[in-house]
Amino acid sequence: LEPIARSVNDTVRTKRQRLEAIADDVRAGEDVPPDDREWLAQMADRYGLDGEDRSRRETVQGLLRRVDVIPVSLVLAQAAKESAWGRSRFAREGNNLFGEWCFSEGCGMVPRRRDSGKAHEVEVFPSVRAAVASYIHNLNSHRTYKQLRGIRASLRQAGKPLSGMALAAGLHKYSAQGSDYVASVRAIIRYNRLGEDARGS
């Protein structure tokens, strides 16, 4: 899973580098080329930013908080926890390592113990890479994980490495377990010596 996580992060990093170049132009007061403007609009839509009421500077800054890597240690720890170390039915049959749901009938696998009246399914992915990409995008775009993105932005601003242990604090809404979930993810990182991504995220 580690090389897949690094590959997905590389894709995110490439997008971030383009954003940073556009941000430099915006700060310098230079005109943004049409292809970059179109790309920004597409990114704002994909990452859940409403661009109508935002200046270009605000759009770029909002995207820079969202389009960023997730520490590999965190990817591995959550995959282990959510998939029972790859042994769950959803992991084996649907490549779903992170417990992601979908909400249209037939979109995935119906949990055997789904509560009465519930309509969610567990999403099925064509590959493990697709599952990792979806998970990273979820953390980077969903309003539930705003705190995680804030922690990451603060680390960036302070010039510190992105830490899975630190970002785990933003996962208290990932599960109904709340703070116990955060503690469990951190314990997996610590016990399995996943480290703080010494080779980079």
N, C-alpha and C. Protein backbone atom coordinates (compact mmCIF):
# COMPACT_ATOMS: atom_id res chain seq x y z
N LEU A 1 0.82 -1.21 0.00
CA LEU A 1 0.00 0.00 0.00
C LEU A 1 0.86 1.27 0.00
N GLU A 2 2.03 1.20 0.62
CA GLU A 2 2.86 2.40 0.73
C GLU A 2 3.22 3.02 -0.62
N PRO A 3 3.71 2.23 -1.59
CA PRO A 3 4.02 2.86 -2.88
C PRO A 3 2.80 3.44 -3.59
N ILE A 4 1.64 2.84 -3.38
CA ILE A 4 0.41 3.38 -3.98
C ILE A 4 0.10 4.73 -3.34
N ALA A 5 0.20 4.80 -2.00
CA ALA A 5 -0.07 6.06 -1.31
C ALA A 5 0.89 7.15 -1.77
N ARG A 6 2.15 6.79 -1.94
CA ARG A 6 3.14 7.78 -2.39
C ARG A 6 2.85 8.24 -3.83
N SER A 7 2.39 7.32 -4.66
CA SER A 7 2.07 7.66 -6.04
C SER A 7 0.88 8.61 -6.10
N VAL A 8 -0.16 8.35 -5.30
CA VAL A 8 -1.31 9.24 -5.28
C VAL A 8 -0.90 10.61 -4.74
N ASN A 9 -0.07 10.62 -3.71
CA ASN A 9 0.43 11.89 -3.18
C ASN A 9 1.24 12.65 -4.23
N ASP A 10 1.99 11.94 -5.05
CA ASP A 10 2.75 12.60 -6.11
C ASP A 10 1.81 13.31 -7.08
N THR A 11 0.68 12.67 -7.40
CA THR A 11 -0.30 13.30 -8.28
C THR A 11 -0.86 14.57 -7.65
N VAL A 12 -1.19 14.49 -6.36
CA VAL A 12 -1.68 15.66 -5.65
C VAL A 12 -0.61 16.75 -5.60
N ARG A 13 0.62 16.35 -5.36
CA ARG A 13 1.73 17.31 -5.26
C ARG A 13 1.93 18.06 -6.58
N THR A 14 1.76 17.37 -7.71
CA THR A 14 1.89 18.02 -9.01
C THR A 14 0.84 19.11 -9.18
N LYS A 15 -0.39 18.82 -8.76
CA LYS A 15 -1.45 19.83 -8.83
C LYS A 15 -1.14 21.00 -7.91
N ARG A 16 -0.61 20.70 -6.73
CA ARG A 16 -0.28 21.76 -5.78
C ARG A 16 0.83 22.67 -6.34
N GLN A 17 1.79 22.07 -7.00
CA GLN A 17 2.87 22.88 -7.59
C GLN A 17 2.33 23.84 -8.64
N ARG A 18 1.36 23.39 -9.42
CA ARG A 18 0.74 24.29 -10.40
C ARG A 18 -0.01 25.41 -9.68
N LEU A 19 -0.72 25.06 -8.60
CA LEU A 19 -1.43 26.06 -7.81
C LEU A 19 -0.47 27.10 -7.23
N GLU A 20 0.67 26.63 -6.73
CA GLU A 20 1.65 27.55 -6.13
C GLU A 20 2.19 28.52 -7.18
N ALA A 21 2.40 28.03 -8.39
CA ALA A 21 2.88 28.90 -9.47
C ALA A 21 1.82 29.96 -9.80
N ILE A 22 0.55 29.55 -9.85
CA ILE A 22 -0.53 30.50 -10.10
C ILE A 22 -0.62 31.50 -8.95
N ALA A 23 -0.46 31.01 -7.71
CA ALA A 23 -0.52 31.89 -6.54
C ALA A 23 0.57 32.96 -6.61
N ASP A 24 1.75 32.58 -7.07
CA ASP A 24 2.84 33.55 -7.22
C ASP A 24 2.46 34.64 -8.21
N ASP A 25 1.83 34.25 -9.33
CA ASP A 25 1.40 35.23 -10.33
C ASP A 25 0.33 36.16 -9.76
N VAL A 26 -0.62 35.58 -9.02
CA VAL A 26 -1.71 36.39 -8.44
C VAL A 26 -1.15 37.39 -7.44
N ARG A 27 -0.22 36.95 -6.60
CA ARG A 27 0.38 37.86 -5.61
C ARG A 27 1.16 38.98 -6.27
N ALA A 28 1.76 38.66 -7.41
CA ALA A 28 2.56 39.66 -8.13
C ALA A 28 1.69 40.58 -8.99
N GLY A 29 0.38 40.31 -9.01
CA GLY A 29 -0.52 41.14 -9.80
C GLY A 29 -0.48 40.85 -11.28
N GLU A 30 0.11 39.72 -11.65
CA GLU A 30 0.19 39.36 -13.06
C GLU A 30 -1.10 38.69 -13.52
N ASP A 31 -1.36 38.79 -14.82
CA ASP A 31 -2.56 38.20 -15.38
C ASP A 31 -2.42 36.67 -15.39
N VAL A 32 -3.51 35.98 -15.09
CA VAL A 32 -3.53 34.52 -15.11
C VAL A 32 -3.99 34.06 -16.48
N PRO A 33 -3.20 33.23 -17.18
CA PRO A 33 -3.58 32.79 -18.53
C PRO A 33 -4.93 32.07 -18.53
N PRO A 34 -5.64 32.12 -19.67
CA PRO A 34 -6.97 31.50 -19.75
C PRO A 34 -7.00 30.03 -19.37
N ASP A 35 -5.97 29.25 -19.77
CA ASP A 35 -5.99 27.82 -19.44
C ASP A 35 -5.86 27.61 -17.93
N ASP A 36 -5.10 28.47 -17.25
CA ASP A 36 -4.99 28.38 -15.80
C ASP A 36 -6.28 28.81 -15.11
N ARG A 37 -6.95 29.82 -15.68
CA ARG A 37 -8.23 30.25 -15.11
C ARG A 37 -9.26 29.13 -15.21
N GLU A 38 -9.30 28.46 -16.35
CA GLU A 38 -10.23 27.36 -16.54
C GLU A 38 -9.90 26.21 -15.59
N TRP A 39 -8.61 25.93 -15.44
CA TRP A 39 -8.19 24.85 -14.55
C TRP A 39 -8.55 25.17 -13.10
N LEU A 40 -8.38 26.43 -12.70
CA LEU A 40 -8.75 26.85 -11.35
C LEU A 40 -10.25 26.64 -11.10
N ALA A 41 -11.06 26.97 -12.07
CA ALA A 41 -12.50 26.80 -11.94
C ALA A 41 -12.85 25.32 -11.78
N GLN A 42 -12.19 24.48 -12.55
CA GLN A 42 -12.42 23.04 -12.46
C GLN A 42 -12.00 22.51 -11.09
N MET A 43 -10.86 22.98 -10.60
CA MET A 43 -10.37 22.55 -9.29
C MET A 43 -11.28 23.03 -8.17
N ALA A 44 -11.76 24.26 -8.28
CA ALA A 44 -12.66 24.80 -7.25
C ALA A 44 -13.93 23.96 -7.18
N ASP A 45 -14.44 23.56 -8.34
CA ASP A 45 -15.63 22.73 -8.37
C ASP A 45 -15.35 21.35 -7.78
N ARG A 46 -14.23 20.76 -8.15
CA ARG A 46 -13.90 19.41 -7.67
C ARG A 46 -13.65 19.39 -6.17
N TYR A 47 -13.08 20.46 -5.64
CA TYR A 47 -12.74 20.48 -4.22
C TYR A 47 -13.78 21.21 -3.37
N GLY A 48 -14.94 21.47 -3.95
CA GLY A 48 -16.05 21.99 -3.16
C GLY A 48 -15.95 23.44 -2.77
N LEU A 49 -15.26 24.24 -3.58
CA LEU A 49 -15.18 25.68 -3.32
C LEU A 49 -16.15 26.41 -4.24
N ASP A 50 -16.98 27.24 -3.67
CA ASP A 50 -17.90 28.05 -4.46
C ASP A 50 -17.14 29.27 -4.97
N GLY A 51 -16.86 29.29 -6.27
CA GLY A 51 -16.03 30.35 -6.81
C GLY A 51 -16.75 31.65 -7.13
N GLU A 52 -18.10 31.63 -7.12
CA GLU A 52 -18.84 32.81 -7.55
C GLU A 52 -18.61 34.02 -6.65
N ASP A 53 -18.48 33.77 -5.35
CA ASP A 53 -18.34 34.87 -4.40
C ASP A 53 -16.90 35.03 -3.91
N ARG A 54 -15.97 34.46 -4.63
CA ARG A 54 -14.57 34.51 -4.23
C ARG A 54 -13.74 35.24 -5.27
N SER A 55 -12.78 36.00 -4.79
CA SER A 55 -11.80 36.57 -5.71
C SER A 55 -10.86 35.45 -6.15
N ARG A 56 -10.08 35.72 -7.19
CA ARG A 56 -9.12 34.70 -7.64
C ARG A 56 -8.12 34.39 -6.53
N ARG A 57 -7.69 35.42 -5.81
CA ARG A 57 -6.75 35.21 -4.72
C ARG A 57 -7.35 34.29 -3.65
N GLU A 58 -8.62 34.53 -3.30
CA GLU A 58 -9.29 33.70 -2.29
C GLU A 58 -9.47 32.26 -2.78
N THR A 59 -9.76 32.12 -4.07
CA THR A 59 -9.90 30.78 -4.63
C THR A 59 -8.60 30.02 -4.55
N VAL A 60 -7.51 30.67 -4.94
CA VAL A 60 -6.19 30.03 -4.89
C VAL A 60 -5.83 29.65 -3.47
N GLN A 61 -6.04 30.57 -2.53
CA GLN A 61 -5.69 30.29 -1.14
C GLN A 61 -6.56 29.16 -0.57
N GLY A 62 -7.83 29.15 -0.94
CA GLY A 62 -8.70 28.07 -0.48
C GLY A 62 -8.26 26.72 -1.03
N LEU A 63 -7.84 26.70 -2.28
CA LEU A 63 -7.38 25.45 -2.88
C LEU A 63 -6.06 24.99 -2.28
N LEU A 64 -5.18 25.93 -1.94
CA LEU A 64 -3.90 25.54 -1.35
C LEU A 64 -4.10 24.85 0.00
N ARG A 65 -5.18 25.15 0.69
CA ARG A 65 -5.47 24.45 1.95
C ARG A 65 -6.01 23.05 1.70
N ARG A 66 -6.54 22.83 0.51
CA ARG A 66 -7.18 21.54 0.22
C ARG A 66 -6.34 20.62 -0.65
N VAL A 67 -5.64 21.18 -1.61
CA VAL A 67 -4.86 20.35 -2.54
C VAL A 67 -3.47 20.15 -1.94
N ASP A 68 -3.36 19.10 -1.14
CA ASP A 68 -2.09 18.83 -0.45
C ASP A 68 -2.05 17.34 -0.10
N VAL A 69 -0.86 16.87 0.23
CA VAL A 69 -0.66 15.45 0.48
C VAL A 69 -1.17 15.06 1.87
N ILE A 70 -1.42 13.79 2.03
CA ILE A 70 -1.76 13.19 3.32
C ILE A 70 -0.57 12.31 3.72
N PRO A 71 -0.03 12.49 4.92
CA PRO A 71 1.13 11.68 5.34
C PRO A 71 0.87 10.19 5.16
N VAL A 72 1.86 9.51 4.61
CA VAL A 72 1.71 8.08 4.33
C VAL A 72 1.42 7.30 5.61
N SER A 73 2.02 7.70 6.71
CA SER A 73 1.76 7.01 7.99
C SER A 73 0.28 7.02 8.32
N LEU A 74 -0.40 8.11 8.02
CA LEU A 74 -1.83 8.22 8.31
C LEU A 74 -2.64 7.35 7.35
N VAL A 75 -2.25 7.34 6.08
CA VAL A 75 -2.92 6.49 5.09
C VAL A 75 -2.85 5.03 5.53
N LEU A 76 -1.66 4.58 5.90
CA LEU A 76 -1.47 3.18 6.27
C LEU A 76 -2.23 2.84 7.54
N ALA A 77 -2.18 3.72 8.54
CA ALA A 77 -2.85 3.43 9.81
C ALA A 77 -4.36 3.36 9.64
N GLN A 78 -4.93 4.31 8.89
CA GLN A 78 -6.38 4.27 8.69
C GLN A 78 -6.81 3.07 7.84
N ALA A 79 -6.02 2.74 6.85
CA ALA A 79 -6.35 1.57 6.03
C ALA A 79 -6.36 0.32 6.90
N ALA A 80 -5.35 0.20 7.77
CA ALA A 80 -5.28 -0.97 8.65
C ALA A 80 -6.51 -1.03 9.57
N LYS A 81 -6.84 0.09 10.15
CA LYS A 81 -7.96 0.12 11.10
C LYS A 81 -9.30 -0.12 10.41
N GLU A 82 -9.53 0.57 9.29
CA GLU A 82 -10.84 0.51 8.64
C GLU A 82 -11.08 -0.81 7.90
N SER A 83 -10.02 -1.50 7.52
CA SER A 83 -10.18 -2.72 6.73
C SER A 83 -9.83 -3.98 7.51
N ALA A 84 -9.61 -3.84 8.83
CA ALA A 84 -9.18 -4.99 9.65
C ALA A 84 -7.92 -5.60 9.03
N TRP A 85 -6.97 -4.73 8.76
CA TRP A 85 -5.69 -5.12 8.16
C TRP A 85 -5.88 -5.86 6.83
N GLY A 86 -6.85 -5.36 6.04
CA GLY A 86 -7.07 -5.91 4.70
C GLY A 86 -7.92 -7.15 4.68
N ARG A 87 -8.46 -7.56 5.84
CA ARG A 87 -9.22 -8.81 5.90
C ARG A 87 -10.72 -8.63 5.75
N SER A 88 -11.21 -7.39 5.79
CA SER A 88 -12.66 -7.19 5.73
C SER A 88 -13.22 -7.57 4.36
N ARG A 89 -14.50 -7.90 4.35
CA ARG A 89 -15.17 -8.25 3.09
C ARG A 89 -15.11 -7.08 2.11
N PHE A 90 -15.27 -5.87 2.63
CA PHE A 90 -15.28 -4.70 1.76
C PHE A 90 -13.90 -4.46 1.13
N ALA A 91 -12.85 -4.77 1.87
CA ALA A 91 -11.50 -4.63 1.33
C ALA A 91 -11.23 -5.71 0.28
N ARG A 92 -11.58 -6.94 0.62
CA ARG A 92 -11.26 -8.07 -0.27
C ARG A 92 -12.10 -8.06 -1.55
N GLU A 93 -13.39 -7.71 -1.43
CA GLU A 93 -14.28 -7.79 -2.58
C GLU A 93 -14.49 -6.46 -3.29
N GLY A 94 -14.25 -5.36 -2.57
CA GLY A 94 -14.54 -4.05 -3.16
C GLY A 94 -13.38 -3.07 -3.15
N ASN A 95 -12.19 -3.54 -2.75
CA ASN A 95 -11.00 -2.66 -2.68
C ASN A 95 -11.22 -1.44 -1.78
N ASN A 96 -12.22 -1.53 -0.89
CA ASN A 96 -12.53 -0.39 -0.02
C ASN A 96 -11.77 -0.56 1.29
N LEU A 97 -10.67 0.17 1.43
CA LEU A 97 -9.82 0.05 2.61
C LEU A 97 -10.16 1.06 3.69
N PHE A 98 -11.02 2.04 3.37
CA PHE A 98 -11.22 3.16 4.28
C PHE A 98 -12.66 3.34 4.75
N GLY A 99 -13.51 2.35 4.49
CA GLY A 99 -14.87 2.40 4.97
C GLY A 99 -15.73 3.48 4.34
N GLU A 100 -15.40 3.89 3.13
CA GLU A 100 -16.17 4.97 2.49
C GLU A 100 -17.54 4.47 2.03
N TRP A 101 -18.54 5.31 2.28
CA TRP A 101 -19.92 5.00 1.91
C TRP A 101 -20.30 5.68 0.60
N CYS A 102 -21.36 5.15 -0.03
CA CYS A 102 -22.03 5.84 -1.13
C CYS A 102 -23.53 5.72 -0.87
N PHE A 103 -24.33 6.52 -1.58
CA PHE A 103 -25.72 6.67 -1.15
C PHE A 103 -26.76 6.49 -2.25
N SER A 104 -26.37 5.95 -3.39
CA SER A 104 -27.38 5.62 -4.41
C SER A 104 -27.48 4.11 -4.51
N GLU A 105 -28.69 3.63 -4.70
CA GLU A 105 -28.92 2.18 -4.70
C GLU A 105 -28.07 1.49 -5.77
N GLY A 106 -27.36 0.45 -5.36
CA GLY A 106 -26.52 -0.30 -6.29
C GLY A 106 -25.13 0.27 -6.48
N CYS A 107 -24.79 1.32 -5.71
CA CYS A 107 -23.48 1.96 -5.91
C CYS A 107 -22.35 1.17 -5.28
N GLY A 108 -22.68 0.23 -4.40
CA GLY A 108 -21.63 -0.51 -3.71
C GLY A 108 -22.14 -1.80 -3.10
N MET A 109 -21.62 -2.14 -1.93
CA MET A 109 -21.99 -3.37 -1.24
C MET A 109 -22.84 -3.01 -0.03
N VAL A 110 -23.93 -3.75 0.16
CA VAL A 110 -24.83 -3.49 1.29
C VAL A 110 -24.25 -4.17 2.53
N PRO A 111 -24.02 -3.38 3.60
CA PRO A 111 -23.53 -4.00 4.84
C PRO A 111 -24.52 -5.00 5.39
N ARG A 112 -24.03 -6.13 5.86
CA ARG A 112 -24.92 -7.18 6.36
C ARG A 112 -25.67 -6.73 7.60
N ARG A 113 -25.03 -5.85 8.38
CA ARG A 113 -25.67 -5.40 9.63
C ARG A 113 -26.09 -3.92 9.53
N ARG A 114 -26.52 -3.51 8.36
CA ARG A 114 -27.00 -2.14 8.20
C ARG A 114 -28.28 -1.93 9.00
N ASP A 115 -28.34 -0.83 9.73
CA ASP A 115 -29.51 -0.53 10.55
C ASP A 115 -30.76 -0.37 9.68
N SER A 116 -31.89 -0.77 10.22
CA SER A 116 -33.17 -0.62 9.53
C SER A 116 -33.42 0.85 9.21
N GLY A 117 -33.86 1.10 7.98
CA GLY A 117 -34.14 2.46 7.57
C GLY A 117 -32.96 3.18 6.95
N LYS A 118 -31.78 2.59 7.03
CA LYS A 118 -30.60 3.20 6.44
C LYS A 118 -30.49 2.78 4.97
N ALA A 119 -29.92 3.67 4.14
CA ALA A 119 -29.85 3.39 2.71
C ALA A 119 -28.43 3.37 2.17
N HIS A 120 -27.44 3.62 3.04
CA HIS A 120 -26.07 3.70 2.54
C HIS A 120 -25.55 2.33 2.13
N GLU A 121 -24.56 2.35 1.25
CA GLU A 121 -23.81 1.15 0.87
C GLU A 121 -22.33 1.46 1.04
N VAL A 122 -21.52 0.43 1.05
CA VAL A 122 -20.08 0.62 1.13
C VAL A 122 -19.53 0.61 -0.29
N GLU A 123 -18.88 1.70 -0.65
CA GLU A 123 -18.49 1.91 -2.05
C GLU A 123 -17.52 0.83 -2.53
N VAL A 124 -17.66 0.48 -3.80
CA VAL A 124 -16.77 -0.47 -4.45
C VAL A 124 -15.85 0.30 -5.39
N PHE A 125 -14.55 -0.01 -5.33
CA PHE A 125 -13.57 0.67 -6.18
C PHE A 125 -12.95 -0.31 -7.16
N PRO A 126 -12.59 0.17 -8.36
CA PRO A 126 -12.00 -0.73 -9.35
C PRO A 126 -10.59 -1.19 -8.99
N SER A 127 -9.93 -0.46 -8.09
CA SER A 127 -8.57 -0.80 -7.71
C SER A 127 -8.28 -0.20 -6.34
N VAL A 128 -7.21 -0.69 -5.73
CA VAL A 128 -6.76 -0.11 -4.46
C VAL A 128 -6.33 1.33 -4.66
N ARG A 129 -5.68 1.62 -5.78
CA ARG A 129 -5.25 2.99 -6.04
C ARG A 129 -6.45 3.95 -6.10
N ALA A 130 -7.53 3.50 -6.73
CA ALA A 130 -8.73 4.34 -6.80
C ALA A 130 -9.29 4.59 -5.40
N ALA A 131 -9.20 3.58 -4.53
CA ALA A 131 -9.69 3.74 -3.16
C ALA A 131 -8.83 4.75 -2.40
N VAL A 132 -7.51 4.67 -2.57
CA VAL A 132 -6.61 5.61 -1.90
C VAL A 132 -6.85 7.03 -2.41
N ALA A 133 -7.01 7.17 -3.72
CA ALA A 133 -7.25 8.50 -4.30
C ALA A 133 -8.55 9.09 -3.77
N SER A 134 -9.59 8.26 -3.65
CA SER A 134 -10.87 8.74 -3.15
C SER A 134 -10.76 9.16 -1.68
N TYR A 135 -10.06 8.37 -0.89
CA TYR A 135 -9.85 8.67 0.54
C TYR A 135 -9.11 9.99 0.72
N ILE A 136 -8.03 10.18 -0.03
CA ILE A 136 -7.26 11.42 0.09
C ILE A 136 -8.10 12.61 -0.35
N HIS A 137 -8.86 12.43 -1.43
CA HIS A 137 -9.72 13.52 -1.88
C HIS A 137 -10.79 13.84 -0.84
N ASN A 138 -11.32 12.82 -0.20
CA ASN A 138 -12.33 13.01 0.84
C ASN A 138 -11.77 13.87 1.99
N LEU A 139 -10.58 13.53 2.47
CA LEU A 139 -9.97 14.32 3.54
C LEU A 139 -9.67 15.74 3.08
N ASN A 140 -9.36 15.90 1.80
CA ASN A 140 -8.98 17.20 1.27
C ASN A 140 -10.17 18.09 0.89
N SER A 141 -11.36 17.54 0.83
CA SER A 141 -12.47 18.33 0.31
C SER A 141 -13.69 18.40 1.22
N HIS A 142 -13.95 17.37 2.01
CA HIS A 142 -15.18 17.34 2.79
C HIS A 142 -15.10 18.29 3.99
N ARG A 143 -16.20 18.98 4.25
CA ARG A 143 -16.22 19.96 5.35
C ARG A 143 -15.92 19.32 6.71
N THR A 144 -16.19 18.03 6.84
CA THR A 144 -15.95 17.33 8.10
C THR A 144 -14.48 17.39 8.52
N TYR A 145 -13.59 17.49 7.54
CA TYR A 145 -12.16 17.41 7.84
C TYR A 145 -11.45 18.76 7.72
N LYS A 146 -12.22 19.83 7.94
CA LYS A 146 -11.65 21.18 7.91
C LYS A 146 -10.55 21.33 8.95
N GLN A 147 -10.75 20.74 10.13
CA GLN A 147 -9.73 20.85 11.18
C GLN A 147 -8.43 20.18 10.76
N LEU A 148 -8.53 19.02 10.13
CA LEU A 148 -7.33 18.32 9.65
C LEU A 148 -6.56 19.22 8.69
N ARG A 149 -7.29 19.85 7.77
CA ARG A 149 -6.62 20.72 6.79
C ARG A 149 -6.01 21.94 7.47
N GLY A 150 -6.65 22.42 8.53
CA GLY A 150 -6.09 23.54 9.27
C GLY A 150 -4.80 23.18 9.97
N ILE A 151 -4.75 21.97 10.56
CA ILE A 151 -3.52 21.48 11.20
C ILE A 151 -2.41 21.40 10.17
N ARG A 152 -2.73 20.86 9.02
CA ARG A 152 -1.72 20.71 7.95
C ARG A 152 -1.21 22.07 7.49
N ALA A 153 -2.13 23.02 7.32
CA ALA A 153 -1.72 24.37 6.88
C ALA A 153 -0.83 25.03 7.93
N SER A 154 -1.13 24.81 9.21
CA SER A 154 -0.31 25.40 10.27
C SER A 154 1.10 24.80 10.26
N LEU A 155 1.18 23.50 10.02
CA LEU A 155 2.50 22.86 9.92
C LEU A 155 3.29 23.43 8.75
N ARG A 156 2.61 23.60 7.61
CA ARG A 156 3.27 24.19 6.44
C ARG A 156 3.79 25.59 6.76
N GLN A 157 2.92 26.40 7.38
CA GLN A 157 3.29 27.78 7.68
C GLN A 157 4.48 27.85 8.63
N ALA A 158 4.56 26.88 9.55
CA ALA A 158 5.66 26.86 10.51
C ALA A 158 6.91 26.20 9.96
N GLY A 159 6.82 25.71 8.72
CA GLY A 159 7.97 25.05 8.10
C GLY A 159 8.28 23.69 8.68
N LYS A 160 7.26 23.05 9.27
CA LYS A 160 7.46 21.74 9.89
C LYS A 160 6.98 20.64 8.95
N PRO A 161 7.54 19.43 9.09
CA PRO A 161 7.07 18.33 8.25
C PRO A 161 5.64 17.95 8.57
N LEU A 162 4.93 17.46 7.57
CA LEU A 162 3.56 17.01 7.79
C LEU A 162 3.59 15.69 8.55
N SER A 163 2.90 15.66 9.66
CA SER A 163 2.96 14.53 10.58
C SER A 163 1.62 13.80 10.63
N GLY A 164 1.67 12.49 10.43
CA GLY A 164 0.46 11.70 10.56
C GLY A 164 -0.09 11.75 11.98
N MET A 165 0.79 11.77 12.96
CA MET A 165 0.36 11.86 14.36
C MET A 165 -0.40 13.16 14.60
N ALA A 166 0.10 14.25 14.02
CA ALA A 166 -0.55 15.55 14.21
C ALA A 166 -1.87 15.62 13.45
N LEU A 167 -1.88 15.20 12.20
CA LEU A 167 -3.10 15.30 11.40
C LEU A 167 -4.20 14.38 11.90
N ALA A 168 -3.83 13.31 12.61
CA ALA A 168 -4.84 12.40 13.15
C ALA A 168 -5.82 13.13 14.06
N ALA A 169 -5.39 14.23 14.67
CA ALA A 169 -6.28 15.00 15.54
C ALA A 169 -7.50 15.52 14.80
N GLY A 170 -7.41 15.63 13.48
CA GLY A 170 -8.53 16.12 12.69
C GLY A 170 -9.49 15.03 12.23
N LEU A 171 -9.33 13.83 12.79
CA LEU A 171 -10.16 12.69 12.36
C LEU A 171 -11.23 12.31 13.38
N HIS A 172 -11.49 13.17 14.35
CA HIS A 172 -12.43 12.79 15.41
C HIS A 172 -13.85 12.60 14.89
N LYS A 173 -14.14 13.13 13.68
CA LYS A 173 -15.48 12.93 13.10
C LYS A 173 -15.49 11.83 12.03
N TYR A 174 -14.35 11.17 11.83
CA TYR A 174 -14.30 10.09 10.84
C TYR A 174 -15.12 8.90 11.32
N SER A 175 -15.19 8.76 12.64
CA SER A 175 -15.88 7.63 13.24
C SER A 175 -16.70 8.11 14.43
N ALA A 176 -17.75 7.34 14.76
CA ALA A 176 -18.55 7.66 15.94
C ALA A 176 -17.74 7.50 17.22
N GLN A 177 -16.56 6.87 17.13
CA GLN A 177 -15.71 6.69 18.30
C GLN A 177 -15.03 7.99 18.74
N GLY A 178 -15.05 9.00 17.88
CA GLY A 178 -14.51 10.31 18.24
C GLY A 178 -13.06 10.30 18.67
N SER A 179 -12.78 10.81 19.86
CA SER A 179 -11.39 10.92 20.33
C SER A 179 -10.75 9.55 20.52
N ASP A 180 -11.55 8.53 20.81
CA ASP A 180 -10.99 7.18 20.91
C ASP A 180 -10.48 6.70 19.56
N TYR A 181 -11.15 7.12 18.50
CA TYR A 181 -10.70 6.76 17.15
C TYR A 181 -9.33 7.39 16.87
N VAL A 182 -9.19 8.67 17.21
CA VAL A 182 -7.92 9.36 17.02
C VAL A 182 -6.81 8.64 17.78
N ALA A 183 -7.09 8.28 19.02
CA ALA A 183 -6.09 7.59 19.84
C ALA A 183 -5.70 6.25 19.22
N SER A 184 -6.69 5.56 18.66
CA SER A 184 -6.43 4.25 18.05
C SER A 184 -5.55 4.38 16.81
N VAL A 185 -5.85 5.37 15.96
CA VAL A 185 -5.03 5.59 14.76
C VAL A 185 -3.60 5.94 15.16
N ARG A 186 -3.45 6.80 16.14
CA ARG A 186 -2.11 7.16 16.61
C ARG A 186 -1.37 5.96 17.18
N ALA A 187 -2.08 5.09 17.88
CA ALA A 187 -1.45 3.90 18.44
C ALA A 187 -0.94 2.98 17.34
N ILE A 188 -1.71 2.87 16.25
CA ILE A 188 -1.26 2.04 15.12
C ILE A 188 0.03 2.61 14.52
N ILE A 189 0.06 3.93 14.36
CA ILE A 189 1.27 4.57 13.83
C ILE A 189 2.46 4.30 14.75
N ARG A 190 2.23 4.48 16.03
CA ARG A 190 3.31 4.35 17.01
C ARG A 190 3.79 2.90 17.12
N TYR A 191 2.85 1.99 17.32
CA TYR A 191 3.20 0.59 17.58
C TYR A 191 3.89 -0.05 16.38
N ASN A 192 3.43 0.31 15.17
CA ASN A 192 3.98 -0.30 13.96
C ASN A 192 5.14 0.49 13.37
N ARG A 193 5.57 1.51 14.12
CA ARG A 193 6.73 2.32 13.72
C ARG A 193 6.60 2.80 12.29
N LEU A 194 5.40 3.30 11.98
CA LEU A 194 5.18 3.85 10.65
C LEU A 194 5.95 5.15 10.48
N GLY A 195 6.40 5.69 11.61
CA GLY A 195 7.30 6.82 11.57
C GLY A 195 6.60 8.09 11.12
N GLU A 196 7.36 9.11 11.04
CA GLU A 196 6.81 10.37 10.56
C GLU A 196 7.29 10.66 9.15
N ASP A 197 7.11 9.65 8.31
CA ASP A 197 7.31 9.82 6.87
C ASP A 197 8.68 10.40 6.56
N ALA A 198 9.69 9.73 7.09
CA ALA A 198 11.06 10.22 6.95
C ALA A 198 11.46 10.37 5.49
N ARG A 199 10.84 9.54 4.64
CA ARG A 199 11.17 9.64 3.21
C ARG A 199 10.25 10.59 2.47
N GLY A 200 9.46 11.33 3.24
CA GLY A 200 8.54 12.28 2.61
C GLY A 200 7.18 11.66 2.39
N SER A 201 6.17 12.52 2.30
CA SER A 201 4.81 12.03 2.09
C SER A 201 4.58 11.74 0.62
